[in-house]
Amino acid sequence: MIPAYNESRHIGAVITGVKQYIADIIVVDDGSCDDTAQIAQANAATVLRHAKNLGKGAALRTGFAFIQDKKYASLLTIDADGQHDPAQIPLFIKALETNDAAMILGNRMHDPQGMPITRIKGNRKFSRIISGICGQEIPDSLCGYRLIRRQVLEAIHLTKDRFEIDAQILIKTAKAGFKVDSINIRSIYADETSYIRPLVDGFRLIRLIMEERAKR
């Protein structure tokens, strides 16, 4: 599943890469103003559309709801902007098949080449905090490249609409008693456009952390 917003430059290549390993591809077009949906449809992806931009979290929740009546054993999420290498999908599948983890999370922080220094520092700080809440080592809590078993999605209830959804998924998964494992992946930064707003989205993430700490 690929949440996408104005990614007409990259979505075709991402779908083509994923197709080499996974047949069924769902693109959630989060109110794009460009040809993201049309390109995805032309590449034989199932496209779900929001009439307006609601946020990455809302896009993921739409996709998760859509697959509830499908017979998939697991779901892989990958970003639409080309920052994740589809050629590494077999690494996720192998990891899920060879241990008892319910989620396999991509880890860019082992070698964050090209990642802006402010994001490296912020990611590492938040990952330490989220690891503490989860009671598990989460080295790259903000990475959206992850493979999730179906039972996780059936067990957790998600509420966030923006980028903090990535952290909420991890926290809810861990609190439900599931194991999260990580594999090292490439850090790719090129000409993609980031829709993360550091101050606003950072505040949302801090608020989520405070909410979860209050529940402990």
N, C-alpha and C. Protein backbone atom coordinates (compact mmCIF):
# COMPACT_ATOMS: atom_id res chain seq x y z
N MET A 1 0.84 -1.18 0.00
CA MET A 1 0.00 0.00 0.00
C MET A 1 0.88 1.24 0.00
N ILE A 2 0.50 2.19 -0.87
CA ILE A 2 1.31 3.39 -1.06
C ILE A 2 0.44 4.63 -0.82
N PRO A 3 0.62 5.32 0.31
CA PRO A 3 -0.06 6.61 0.48
C PRO A 3 0.65 7.65 -0.38
N ALA A 4 -0.11 8.47 -1.10
CA ALA A 4 0.53 9.38 -2.06
C ALA A 4 -0.18 10.72 -2.11
N TYR A 5 0.62 11.77 -2.21
CA TYR A 5 0.07 13.13 -2.38
C TYR A 5 0.97 13.89 -3.35
N ASN A 6 0.44 14.20 -4.51
CA ASN A 6 1.18 14.94 -5.55
C ASN A 6 2.53 14.30 -5.85
N GLU A 7 2.49 13.01 -6.17
CA GLU A 7 3.73 12.28 -6.45
C GLU A 7 3.76 11.75 -7.89
N SER A 8 3.28 12.56 -8.83
CA SER A 8 3.25 12.12 -10.22
C SER A 8 4.64 11.86 -10.79
N ARG A 9 5.68 12.51 -10.24
CA ARG A 9 7.04 12.31 -10.73
C ARG A 9 7.59 10.93 -10.36
N HIS A 10 7.11 10.36 -9.26
CA HIS A 10 7.73 9.15 -8.74
C HIS A 10 6.82 7.93 -8.69
N ILE A 11 5.49 8.13 -8.65
CA ILE A 11 4.59 7.02 -8.35
C ILE A 11 4.69 5.88 -9.37
N GLY A 12 4.87 6.21 -10.65
CA GLY A 12 4.98 5.17 -11.67
C GLY A 12 6.17 4.27 -11.44
N ALA A 13 7.33 4.86 -11.13
CA ALA A 13 8.54 4.08 -10.90
C ALA A 13 8.42 3.25 -9.63
N VAL A 14 7.79 3.82 -8.59
CA VAL A 14 7.62 3.07 -7.35
C VAL A 14 6.75 1.84 -7.58
N ILE A 15 5.63 2.02 -8.28
CA ILE A 15 4.74 0.90 -8.57
C ILE A 15 5.46 -0.15 -9.41
N THR A 16 6.18 0.28 -10.43
CA THR A 16 6.92 -0.66 -11.27
C THR A 16 7.91 -1.47 -10.45
N GLY A 17 8.60 -0.83 -9.52
CA GLY A 17 9.54 -1.54 -8.67
C GLY A 17 8.86 -2.54 -7.75
N VAL A 18 7.75 -2.12 -7.14
CA VAL A 18 7.03 -3.00 -6.22
C VAL A 18 6.46 -4.21 -6.95
N LYS A 19 6.00 -4.00 -8.18
CA LYS A 19 5.38 -5.07 -8.97
C LYS A 19 6.29 -6.28 -9.16
N GLN A 20 7.57 -6.08 -9.08
CA GLN A 20 8.50 -7.20 -9.26
C GLN A 20 8.39 -8.22 -8.14
N TYR A 21 7.78 -7.80 -7.01
CA TYR A 21 7.73 -8.67 -5.84
C TYR A 21 6.32 -8.88 -5.29
N ILE A 22 5.44 -7.92 -5.52
CA ILE A 22 4.08 -7.98 -4.97
C ILE A 22 3.08 -7.65 -6.08
N ALA A 23 2.09 -8.51 -6.25
CA ALA A 23 1.15 -8.34 -7.35
C ALA A 23 0.07 -7.30 -7.06
N ASP A 24 -0.46 -7.34 -5.84
CA ASP A 24 -1.58 -6.47 -5.51
C ASP A 24 -1.08 -5.17 -4.88
N ILE A 25 -1.31 -4.06 -5.56
CA ILE A 25 -0.81 -2.77 -5.11
C ILE A 25 -1.99 -1.80 -4.95
N ILE A 26 -2.06 -1.18 -3.77
CA ILE A 26 -3.09 -0.20 -3.48
C ILE A 26 -2.43 1.16 -3.31
N VAL A 27 -2.89 2.14 -4.06
CA VAL A 27 -2.42 3.52 -3.89
C VAL A 27 -3.57 4.33 -3.30
N VAL A 28 -3.30 4.98 -2.18
CA VAL A 28 -4.29 5.89 -1.59
C VAL A 28 -3.89 7.30 -1.97
N ASP A 29 -4.63 7.87 -2.92
CA ASP A 29 -4.34 9.22 -3.39
C ASP A 29 -5.01 10.22 -2.44
N ASP A 30 -4.18 10.93 -1.69
CA ASP A 30 -4.68 11.80 -0.63
C ASP A 30 -4.95 13.21 -1.15
N GLY A 31 -5.93 13.31 -2.08
CA GLY A 31 -6.34 14.61 -2.58
C GLY A 31 -5.33 15.29 -3.47
N SER A 32 -4.60 14.53 -4.27
CA SER A 32 -3.58 15.12 -5.14
C SER A 32 -4.17 16.08 -6.17
N CYS A 33 -3.39 17.10 -6.53
CA CYS A 33 -3.79 18.06 -7.56
C CYS A 33 -3.16 17.73 -8.90
N ASP A 34 -2.28 16.72 -8.92
CA ASP A 34 -1.60 16.36 -10.17
C ASP A 34 -2.15 15.04 -10.70
N ASP A 35 -1.34 14.32 -11.49
CA ASP A 35 -1.80 13.09 -12.15
C ASP A 35 -1.44 11.82 -11.37
N THR A 36 -1.22 11.94 -10.08
CA THR A 36 -0.84 10.77 -9.28
C THR A 36 -1.82 9.62 -9.47
N ALA A 37 -3.11 9.87 -9.32
CA ALA A 37 -4.12 8.80 -9.41
C ALA A 37 -4.16 8.19 -10.81
N GLN A 38 -4.10 9.04 -11.83
CA GLN A 38 -4.17 8.54 -13.20
C GLN A 38 -2.96 7.66 -13.54
N ILE A 39 -1.79 8.08 -13.10
CA ILE A 39 -0.58 7.29 -13.36
C ILE A 39 -0.64 5.97 -12.61
N ALA A 40 -1.13 5.99 -11.40
CA ALA A 40 -1.26 4.75 -10.62
C ALA A 40 -2.23 3.80 -11.30
N GLN A 41 -3.36 4.32 -11.77
CA GLN A 41 -4.33 3.48 -12.46
C GLN A 41 -3.75 2.92 -13.75
N ALA A 42 -2.99 3.73 -14.48
CA ALA A 42 -2.37 3.27 -15.73
C ALA A 42 -1.36 2.17 -15.48
N ASN A 43 -0.84 2.11 -14.25
CA ASN A 43 0.12 1.06 -13.89
C ASN A 43 -0.55 -0.10 -13.15
N ALA A 44 -1.88 -0.19 -13.30
CA ALA A 44 -2.68 -1.33 -12.80
C ALA A 44 -2.74 -1.42 -11.28
N ALA A 45 -2.59 -0.29 -10.58
CA ALA A 45 -2.78 -0.29 -9.13
C ALA A 45 -4.24 -0.02 -8.82
N THR A 46 -4.71 -0.56 -7.71
CA THR A 46 -6.02 -0.19 -7.19
C THR A 46 -5.87 1.18 -6.53
N VAL A 47 -6.72 2.13 -6.92
CA VAL A 47 -6.58 3.50 -6.42
C VAL A 47 -7.78 3.88 -5.57
N LEU A 48 -7.51 4.31 -4.34
CA LEU A 48 -8.52 4.88 -3.46
C LEU A 48 -8.24 6.37 -3.38
N ARG A 49 -9.27 7.19 -3.43
CA ARG A 49 -9.03 8.64 -3.52
C ARG A 49 -9.73 9.41 -2.42
N HIS A 50 -9.04 10.37 -1.85
CA HIS A 50 -9.64 11.37 -0.98
C HIS A 50 -9.97 12.60 -1.82
N ALA A 51 -11.12 13.19 -1.59
CA ALA A 51 -11.51 14.37 -2.35
C ALA A 51 -10.61 15.56 -2.04
N LYS A 52 -10.06 15.60 -0.83
CA LYS A 52 -9.12 16.65 -0.46
C LYS A 52 -8.01 16.05 0.38
N ASN A 53 -6.93 16.80 0.54
CA ASN A 53 -5.79 16.31 1.30
C ASN A 53 -6.13 16.24 2.79
N LEU A 54 -6.00 15.03 3.35
CA LEU A 54 -6.35 14.80 4.76
C LEU A 54 -5.13 14.43 5.59
N GLY A 55 -4.02 14.04 4.96
CA GLY A 55 -2.82 13.68 5.69
C GLY A 55 -2.45 12.21 5.52
N LYS A 56 -1.17 11.93 5.77
CA LYS A 56 -0.67 10.56 5.59
C LYS A 56 -1.41 9.58 6.48
N GLY A 57 -1.68 9.98 7.72
CA GLY A 57 -2.37 9.08 8.63
C GLY A 57 -3.75 8.71 8.12
N ALA A 58 -4.47 9.70 7.61
CA ALA A 58 -5.80 9.44 7.06
C ALA A 58 -5.70 8.51 5.86
N ALA A 59 -4.67 8.69 5.03
CA ALA A 59 -4.49 7.83 3.86
C ALA A 59 -4.23 6.38 4.28
N LEU A 60 -3.36 6.20 5.27
CA LEU A 60 -3.07 4.85 5.75
C LEU A 60 -4.32 4.21 6.35
N ARG A 61 -5.07 4.97 7.13
CA ARG A 61 -6.28 4.43 7.75
C ARG A 61 -7.31 4.03 6.69
N THR A 62 -7.41 4.81 5.61
CA THR A 62 -8.30 4.45 4.51
C THR A 62 -7.87 3.13 3.88
N GLY A 63 -6.58 2.99 3.67
CA GLY A 63 -6.06 1.74 3.09
C GLY A 63 -6.25 0.55 4.02
N PHE A 64 -5.99 0.74 5.31
CA PHE A 64 -6.16 -0.35 6.27
C PHE A 64 -7.62 -0.80 6.32
N ALA A 65 -8.55 0.15 6.29
CA ALA A 65 -9.97 -0.19 6.31
C ALA A 65 -10.36 -0.97 5.05
N PHE A 66 -9.79 -0.58 3.92
CA PHE A 66 -10.12 -1.22 2.65
C PHE A 66 -9.75 -2.69 2.63
N ILE A 67 -8.64 -3.05 3.26
CA ILE A 67 -8.19 -4.44 3.18
C ILE A 67 -8.78 -5.34 4.27
N GLN A 68 -9.61 -4.80 5.13
CA GLN A 68 -10.13 -5.61 6.23
C GLN A 68 -10.91 -6.83 5.76
N ASP A 69 -11.61 -6.71 4.62
CA ASP A 69 -12.38 -7.85 4.12
C ASP A 69 -11.63 -8.62 3.02
N LYS A 70 -10.34 -8.31 2.86
CA LYS A 70 -9.51 -9.04 1.90
C LYS A 70 -8.81 -10.19 2.62
N LYS A 71 -8.19 -11.06 1.87
CA LYS A 71 -7.58 -12.25 2.45
C LYS A 71 -6.06 -12.16 2.54
N TYR A 72 -5.55 -10.97 2.65
CA TYR A 72 -4.10 -10.79 2.74
C TYR A 72 -3.59 -11.20 4.12
N ALA A 73 -2.49 -11.91 4.16
CA ALA A 73 -1.87 -12.30 5.43
C ALA A 73 -1.02 -11.19 6.00
N SER A 74 -0.53 -10.31 5.14
CA SER A 74 0.30 -9.20 5.60
C SER A 74 0.21 -8.05 4.60
N LEU A 75 0.69 -6.91 5.03
CA LEU A 75 0.62 -5.70 4.22
C LEU A 75 1.94 -4.96 4.31
N LEU A 76 2.46 -4.53 3.16
CA LEU A 76 3.67 -3.73 3.14
C LEU A 76 3.31 -2.30 2.79
N THR A 77 3.83 -1.34 3.57
CA THR A 77 3.63 0.07 3.24
C THR A 77 4.96 0.65 2.78
N ILE A 78 4.89 1.47 1.76
CA ILE A 78 6.08 2.08 1.18
C ILE A 78 5.71 3.50 0.73
N ASP A 79 6.61 4.44 0.93
CA ASP A 79 6.32 5.82 0.55
C ASP A 79 6.34 5.99 -0.97
N ALA A 80 5.63 7.02 -1.43
CA ALA A 80 5.46 7.24 -2.87
C ALA A 80 6.53 8.12 -3.49
N ASP A 81 7.43 8.67 -2.66
CA ASP A 81 8.35 9.69 -3.18
C ASP A 81 9.71 9.15 -3.63
N GLY A 82 9.87 7.83 -3.64
CA GLY A 82 11.12 7.25 -4.11
C GLY A 82 12.21 7.13 -3.07
N GLN A 83 11.89 7.45 -1.80
CA GLN A 83 12.90 7.35 -0.75
C GLN A 83 13.12 5.91 -0.29
N HIS A 84 12.25 5.01 -0.69
CA HIS A 84 12.39 3.60 -0.33
C HIS A 84 12.67 2.77 -1.57
N ASP A 85 13.62 1.87 -1.48
CA ASP A 85 14.03 1.04 -2.61
C ASP A 85 13.19 -0.24 -2.65
N PRO A 86 12.30 -0.40 -3.65
CA PRO A 86 11.48 -1.61 -3.73
C PRO A 86 12.31 -2.89 -3.85
N ALA A 87 13.54 -2.78 -4.33
CA ALA A 87 14.39 -3.97 -4.47
C ALA A 87 14.70 -4.60 -3.12
N GLN A 88 14.43 -3.90 -2.03
CA GLN A 88 14.69 -4.44 -0.70
C GLN A 88 13.47 -5.15 -0.10
N ILE A 89 12.37 -5.22 -0.86
CA ILE A 89 11.18 -5.91 -0.38
C ILE A 89 11.47 -7.36 0.03
N PRO A 90 12.27 -8.13 -0.73
CA PRO A 90 12.55 -9.50 -0.30
C PRO A 90 13.18 -9.59 1.08
N LEU A 91 13.93 -8.57 1.50
CA LEU A 91 14.52 -8.57 2.83
C LEU A 91 13.44 -8.52 3.90
N PHE A 92 12.40 -7.74 3.66
CA PHE A 92 11.28 -7.65 4.60
C PHE A 92 10.54 -8.99 4.67
N ILE A 93 10.28 -9.58 3.50
CA ILE A 93 9.54 -10.84 3.47
C ILE A 93 10.33 -11.94 4.17
N LYS A 94 11.62 -12.01 3.91
CA LYS A 94 12.45 -13.03 4.56
C LYS A 94 12.46 -12.85 6.07
N ALA A 95 12.56 -11.60 6.52
CA ALA A 95 12.58 -11.33 7.96
C ALA A 95 11.27 -11.73 8.62
N LEU A 96 10.15 -11.48 7.94
CA LEU A 96 8.86 -11.82 8.51
C LEU A 96 8.67 -13.33 8.57
N GLU A 97 9.24 -14.03 7.60
CA GLU A 97 9.08 -15.48 7.53
C GLU A 97 10.01 -16.24 8.46
N THR A 98 11.08 -15.59 8.92
CA THR A 98 12.09 -16.33 9.67
C THR A 98 12.13 -15.97 11.16
N ASN A 99 11.24 -15.10 11.63
CA ASN A 99 11.16 -14.88 13.08
C ASN A 99 9.71 -14.63 13.47
N ASP A 100 9.48 -14.41 14.75
CA ASP A 100 8.11 -14.28 15.26
C ASP A 100 7.64 -12.84 15.36
N ALA A 101 8.33 -11.93 14.71
CA ALA A 101 7.91 -10.53 14.74
C ALA A 101 6.60 -10.35 13.99
N ALA A 102 5.78 -9.43 14.48
CA ALA A 102 4.52 -9.12 13.82
C ALA A 102 4.66 -7.95 12.85
N MET A 103 5.77 -7.21 13.00
CA MET A 103 6.05 -6.10 12.10
C MET A 103 7.55 -6.03 11.83
N ILE A 104 7.90 -5.81 10.58
CA ILE A 104 9.30 -5.58 10.21
C ILE A 104 9.42 -4.13 9.77
N LEU A 105 10.26 -3.40 10.46
CA LEU A 105 10.42 -1.97 10.24
C LEU A 105 11.74 -1.68 9.55
N GLY A 106 11.71 -0.82 8.54
CA GLY A 106 12.95 -0.40 7.90
C GLY A 106 13.76 0.50 8.80
N ASN A 107 15.07 0.34 8.78
CA ASN A 107 15.97 1.15 9.60
C ASN A 107 17.00 1.85 8.73
N ARG A 108 16.85 3.15 8.57
CA ARG A 108 17.81 3.94 7.79
C ARG A 108 18.93 4.51 8.65
N MET A 109 18.75 4.43 9.96
CA MET A 109 19.63 5.16 10.87
C MET A 109 20.99 4.48 11.07
N HIS A 110 21.16 3.27 10.58
CA HIS A 110 22.47 2.62 10.67
C HIS A 110 23.47 3.33 9.76
N ASP A 111 22.95 3.95 8.68
CA ASP A 111 23.80 4.68 7.75
C ASP A 111 22.94 5.72 7.03
N PRO A 112 22.59 6.83 7.73
CA PRO A 112 21.64 7.80 7.17
C PRO A 112 22.25 8.74 6.14
N GLN A 113 22.95 8.15 5.17
CA GLN A 113 23.64 8.94 4.16
C GLN A 113 22.65 9.80 3.38
N GLY A 114 22.92 11.09 3.31
CA GLY A 114 22.07 12.00 2.55
C GLY A 114 20.92 12.58 3.34
N MET A 115 20.59 12.00 4.48
CA MET A 115 19.49 12.52 5.30
C MET A 115 19.91 13.84 5.95
N PRO A 116 19.09 14.86 5.88
CA PRO A 116 19.44 16.14 6.52
C PRO A 116 19.77 15.95 8.00
N ILE A 117 20.78 16.67 8.48
CA ILE A 117 21.27 16.48 9.83
C ILE A 117 20.18 16.75 10.87
N THR A 118 19.30 17.72 10.58
CA THR A 118 18.22 18.02 11.54
C THR A 118 17.27 16.83 11.67
N ARG A 119 17.04 16.13 10.56
CA ARG A 119 16.16 14.96 10.62
C ARG A 119 16.84 13.79 11.31
N ILE A 120 18.14 13.66 11.11
CA ILE A 120 18.87 12.59 11.81
C ILE A 120 18.76 12.78 13.32
N LYS A 121 19.03 14.00 13.78
CA LYS A 121 18.98 14.27 15.21
C LYS A 121 17.57 14.09 15.75
N GLY A 122 16.58 14.62 15.03
CA GLY A 122 15.20 14.51 15.49
C GLY A 122 14.72 13.07 15.51
N ASN A 123 15.06 12.32 14.46
CA ASN A 123 14.63 10.92 14.38
C ASN A 123 15.23 10.11 15.52
N ARG A 124 16.51 10.30 15.78
CA ARG A 124 17.16 9.53 16.84
C ARG A 124 16.58 9.87 18.21
N LYS A 125 16.28 11.14 18.43
CA LYS A 125 15.71 11.55 19.71
C LYS A 125 14.33 10.93 19.90
N PHE A 126 13.46 11.08 18.90
CA PHE A 126 12.11 10.53 19.01
C PHE A 126 12.14 9.00 19.09
N SER A 127 13.07 8.39 18.36
CA SER A 127 13.14 6.92 18.37
C SER A 127 13.53 6.40 19.75
N ARG A 128 14.40 7.12 20.44
CA ARG A 128 14.74 6.70 21.81
C ARG A 128 13.53 6.79 22.73
N ILE A 129 12.77 7.86 22.59
CA ILE A 129 11.59 8.04 23.43
C ILE A 129 10.54 6.97 23.12
N ILE A 130 10.29 6.74 21.83
CA ILE A 130 9.29 5.76 21.43
C ILE A 130 9.73 4.35 21.80
N SER A 131 11.02 4.08 21.73
CA SER A 131 11.53 2.78 22.18
C SER A 131 11.19 2.56 23.65
N GLY A 132 11.34 3.61 24.45
CA GLY A 132 11.02 3.50 25.86
C GLY A 132 9.55 3.22 26.10
N ILE A 133 8.68 3.89 25.35
CA ILE A 133 7.25 3.66 25.49
C ILE A 133 6.88 2.25 25.06
N CYS A 134 7.50 1.78 23.97
CA CYS A 134 7.19 0.46 23.41
C CYS A 134 7.82 -0.67 24.22
N GLY A 135 8.89 -0.37 24.95
CA GLY A 135 9.61 -1.43 25.65
C GLY A 135 10.36 -2.33 24.69
N GLN A 136 10.65 -1.81 23.51
CA GLN A 136 11.40 -2.53 22.48
C GLN A 136 12.33 -1.55 21.79
N GLU A 137 13.40 -2.06 21.20
CA GLU A 137 14.32 -1.21 20.46
C GLU A 137 13.72 -0.84 19.11
N ILE A 138 13.48 0.45 18.90
CA ILE A 138 12.92 0.97 17.65
C ILE A 138 13.92 1.98 17.10
N PRO A 139 14.86 1.58 16.25
CA PRO A 139 15.93 2.49 15.82
C PRO A 139 15.51 3.57 14.85
N ASP A 140 14.40 3.37 14.12
CA ASP A 140 13.98 4.35 13.10
C ASP A 140 12.46 4.45 13.12
N SER A 141 11.95 5.11 14.16
CA SER A 141 10.51 5.13 14.40
C SER A 141 9.72 5.90 13.35
N LEU A 142 10.39 6.75 12.57
CA LEU A 142 9.69 7.57 11.60
C LEU A 142 9.71 7.00 10.19
N CYS A 143 10.27 5.80 10.03
CA CYS A 143 10.33 5.17 8.71
C CYS A 143 8.98 4.57 8.33
N GLY A 144 8.51 4.89 7.14
CA GLY A 144 7.22 4.37 6.68
C GLY A 144 7.32 3.08 5.89
N TYR A 145 8.53 2.56 5.72
CA TYR A 145 8.74 1.31 4.98
C TYR A 145 8.64 0.18 5.98
N ARG A 146 7.53 -0.57 5.95
CA ARG A 146 7.31 -1.61 6.97
C ARG A 146 6.36 -2.68 6.46
N LEU A 147 6.58 -3.88 6.95
CA LEU A 147 5.74 -5.03 6.61
C LEU A 147 5.01 -5.46 7.88
N ILE A 148 3.68 -5.54 7.79
CA ILE A 148 2.83 -5.72 8.97
C ILE A 148 1.94 -6.94 8.79
N ARG A 149 1.92 -7.81 9.79
CA ARG A 149 1.01 -8.96 9.75
C ARG A 149 -0.43 -8.50 9.94
N ARG A 150 -1.34 -9.24 9.35
CA ARG A 150 -2.76 -8.88 9.38
C ARG A 150 -3.29 -8.75 10.81
N GLN A 151 -2.86 -9.65 11.70
CA GLN A 151 -3.42 -9.64 13.05
C GLN A 151 -3.11 -8.35 13.80
N VAL A 152 -2.04 -7.68 13.42
CA VAL A 152 -1.75 -6.39 14.04
C VAL A 152 -2.83 -5.38 13.69
N LEU A 153 -3.16 -5.28 12.41
CA LEU A 153 -4.16 -4.31 11.96
C LEU A 153 -5.53 -4.62 12.55
N GLU A 154 -5.80 -5.90 12.81
CA GLU A 154 -7.08 -6.27 13.40
C GLU A 154 -7.12 -5.95 14.89
N ALA A 155 -5.95 -5.83 15.52
CA ALA A 155 -5.90 -5.66 16.97
C ALA A 155 -5.79 -4.21 17.43
N ILE A 156 -5.33 -3.32 16.56
CA ILE A 156 -5.07 -1.95 17.00
C ILE A 156 -6.10 -0.98 16.41
N HIS A 157 -6.33 0.10 17.14
CA HIS A 157 -7.24 1.16 16.69
C HIS A 157 -6.45 2.45 16.52
N LEU A 158 -6.41 2.95 15.31
CA LEU A 158 -5.63 4.14 14.99
C LEU A 158 -6.53 5.37 14.90
N THR A 159 -6.02 6.51 15.32
CA THR A 159 -6.83 7.72 15.35
C THR A 159 -6.17 8.92 14.68
N LYS A 160 -4.88 8.86 14.41
CA LYS A 160 -4.16 10.04 13.92
C LYS A 160 -4.26 10.17 12.40
N ASP A 161 -4.25 11.42 11.93
CA ASP A 161 -4.43 11.70 10.51
C ASP A 161 -3.17 12.18 9.81
N ARG A 162 -2.15 12.56 10.55
CA ARG A 162 -0.97 13.15 9.93
C ARG A 162 0.24 12.23 10.08
N PHE A 163 1.43 12.81 10.03
CA PHE A 163 2.64 11.99 10.00
C PHE A 163 2.90 11.25 11.32
N GLU A 164 2.29 11.69 12.40
CA GLU A 164 2.50 11.00 13.67
C GLU A 164 1.89 9.60 13.69
N ILE A 165 1.13 9.26 12.63
CA ILE A 165 0.55 7.92 12.52
C ILE A 165 1.64 6.85 12.55
N ASP A 166 2.83 7.14 12.00
CA ASP A 166 3.90 6.14 11.97
C ASP A 166 4.30 5.74 13.39
N ALA A 167 4.40 6.73 14.28
CA ALA A 167 4.73 6.44 15.67
C ALA A 167 3.57 5.76 16.38
N GLN A 168 2.34 6.20 16.09
CA GLN A 168 1.19 5.61 16.76
C GLN A 168 1.05 4.12 16.42
N ILE A 169 1.31 3.77 15.19
CA ILE A 169 1.24 2.35 14.79
C ILE A 169 2.22 1.53 15.63
N LEU A 170 3.43 2.02 15.78
CA LEU A 170 4.44 1.29 16.56
C LEU A 170 4.02 1.15 18.02
N ILE A 171 3.57 2.24 18.61
CA ILE A 171 3.18 2.21 20.02
C ILE A 171 2.00 1.29 20.24
N LYS A 172 0.98 1.38 19.40
CA LYS A 172 -0.19 0.53 19.54
C LYS A 172 0.18 -0.95 19.34
N THR A 173 1.07 -1.19 18.38
CA THR A 173 1.49 -2.57 18.11
C THR A 173 2.20 -3.17 19.31
N ALA A 174 3.14 -2.42 19.88
CA ALA A 174 3.88 -2.90 21.04
C ALA A 174 2.97 -3.09 22.26
N LYS A 175 2.07 -2.14 22.49
CA LYS A 175 1.18 -2.23 23.64
C LYS A 175 0.18 -3.38 23.50
N ALA A 176 -0.07 -3.81 22.27
CA ALA A 176 -0.95 -4.96 22.05
C ALA A 176 -0.20 -6.28 22.23
N GLY A 177 1.09 -6.20 22.54
CA GLY A 177 1.86 -7.40 22.83
C GLY A 177 2.61 -7.99 21.66
N PHE A 178 2.68 -7.26 20.56
CA PHE A 178 3.36 -7.77 19.38
C PHE A 178 4.82 -7.33 19.37
N LYS A 179 5.65 -8.16 18.74
CA LYS A 179 7.08 -7.86 18.60
C LYS A 179 7.33 -7.10 17.30
N VAL A 180 8.17 -6.07 17.40
CA VAL A 180 8.60 -5.31 16.22
C VAL A 180 10.08 -5.57 16.00
N ASP A 181 10.42 -5.96 14.78
CA ASP A 181 11.82 -6.18 14.43
C ASP A 181 12.21 -5.17 13.36
N SER A 182 13.50 -4.95 13.18
CA SER A 182 13.98 -3.98 12.20
C SER A 182 15.03 -4.60 11.30
N ILE A 183 15.08 -4.12 10.05
CA ILE A 183 16.14 -4.51 9.14
C ILE A 183 16.76 -3.23 8.56
N ASN A 184 18.04 -3.28 8.28
CA ASN A 184 18.72 -2.12 7.71
C ASN A 184 18.33 -1.93 6.25
N ILE A 185 18.01 -0.70 5.89
CA ILE A 185 17.67 -0.38 4.50
C ILE A 185 18.45 0.85 4.06
N ARG A 186 18.44 1.08 2.76
CA ARG A 186 19.13 2.24 2.21
C ARG A 186 18.41 3.53 2.58
N SER A 187 19.18 4.59 2.76
CA SER A 187 18.64 5.93 2.94
C SER A 187 18.77 6.66 1.61
N ILE A 188 17.64 6.98 0.98
CA ILE A 188 17.65 7.58 -0.35
C ILE A 188 17.08 9.00 -0.27
N TYR A 189 17.88 9.97 -0.63
CA TYR A 189 17.42 11.36 -0.68
C TYR A 189 17.89 11.95 -2.00
N ALA A 190 16.91 12.43 -2.80
CA ALA A 190 17.25 12.99 -4.11
C ALA A 190 16.43 14.25 -4.35
N ASP A 191 15.47 14.19 -5.30
CA ASP A 191 14.70 15.37 -5.67
C ASP A 191 13.28 15.35 -5.12
N GLU A 192 13.02 14.47 -4.15
CA GLU A 192 11.67 14.36 -3.63
C GLU A 192 11.27 15.61 -2.84
N THR A 193 9.95 15.85 -2.80
CA THR A 193 9.42 16.97 -2.03
C THR A 193 8.90 16.46 -0.70
N SER A 194 9.37 17.05 0.38
CA SER A 194 8.92 16.64 1.71
C SER A 194 7.71 17.49 2.11
N TYR A 195 6.65 16.82 2.56
CA TYR A 195 5.46 17.52 3.04
C TYR A 195 5.43 17.58 4.56
N ILE A 196 6.52 17.15 5.19
CA ILE A 196 6.62 17.26 6.64
C ILE A 196 6.91 18.71 7.02
N ARG A 197 6.13 19.24 7.93
CA ARG A 197 6.37 20.58 8.47
C ARG A 197 6.98 20.40 9.85
N PRO A 198 8.27 20.67 9.99
CA PRO A 198 8.99 20.32 11.22
C PRO A 198 8.33 20.81 12.50
N LEU A 199 7.89 22.06 12.52
CA LEU A 199 7.32 22.60 13.75
C LEU A 199 5.94 22.00 14.05
N VAL A 200 5.06 22.04 13.06
CA VAL A 200 3.69 21.55 13.26
C VAL A 200 3.68 20.04 13.49
N ASP A 201 4.37 19.31 12.63
CA ASP A 201 4.36 17.85 12.76
C ASP A 201 5.17 17.40 13.96
N GLY A 202 6.22 18.15 14.29
CA GLY A 202 6.97 17.84 15.50
C GLY A 202 6.10 18.00 16.74
N PHE A 203 5.29 19.07 16.76
CA PHE A 203 4.37 19.28 17.89
C PHE A 203 3.36 18.14 17.98
N ARG A 204 2.83 17.71 16.83
CA ARG A 204 1.86 16.61 16.85
C ARG A 204 2.48 15.33 17.41
N LEU A 205 3.73 15.09 17.05
CA LEU A 205 4.41 13.90 17.54
C LEU A 205 4.66 14.00 19.05
N ILE A 206 5.05 15.17 19.50
CA ILE A 206 5.25 15.37 20.94
C ILE A 206 3.94 15.18 21.69
N ARG A 207 2.86 15.69 21.13
CA ARG A 207 1.55 15.53 21.77
C ARG A 207 1.15 14.05 21.85
N LEU A 208 1.42 13.30 20.79
CA LEU A 208 1.14 11.86 20.82
C LEU A 208 1.95 11.19 21.92
N ILE A 209 3.21 11.52 22.03
CA ILE A 209 4.08 10.93 23.05
C ILE A 209 3.55 11.25 24.45
N MET A 210 3.13 12.49 24.66
CA MET A 210 2.59 12.87 25.96
C MET A 210 1.31 12.12 26.26
N GLU A 211 0.46 11.94 25.26
CA GLU A 211 -0.78 11.18 25.45
C GLU A 211 -0.49 9.74 25.85
N GLU A 212 0.49 9.12 25.18
CA GLU A 212 0.80 7.73 25.46
C GLU A 212 1.48 7.57 26.81
N ARG A 213 2.31 8.52 27.18
CA ARG A 213 2.95 8.46 28.50
C ARG A 213 1.93 8.60 29.62
N ALA A 214 0.89 9.41 29.36
CA ALA A 214 -0.15 9.62 30.37
C ALA A 214 -0.96 8.35 30.62
N LYS A 215 -0.99 7.45 29.62
CA LYS A 215 -1.75 6.22 29.75
C LYS A 215 -1.01 5.14 30.53
N ARG A 216 0.31 5.32 30.72
CA ARG A 216 1.13 4.29 31.34
C ARG A 216 0.82 4.18 32.84
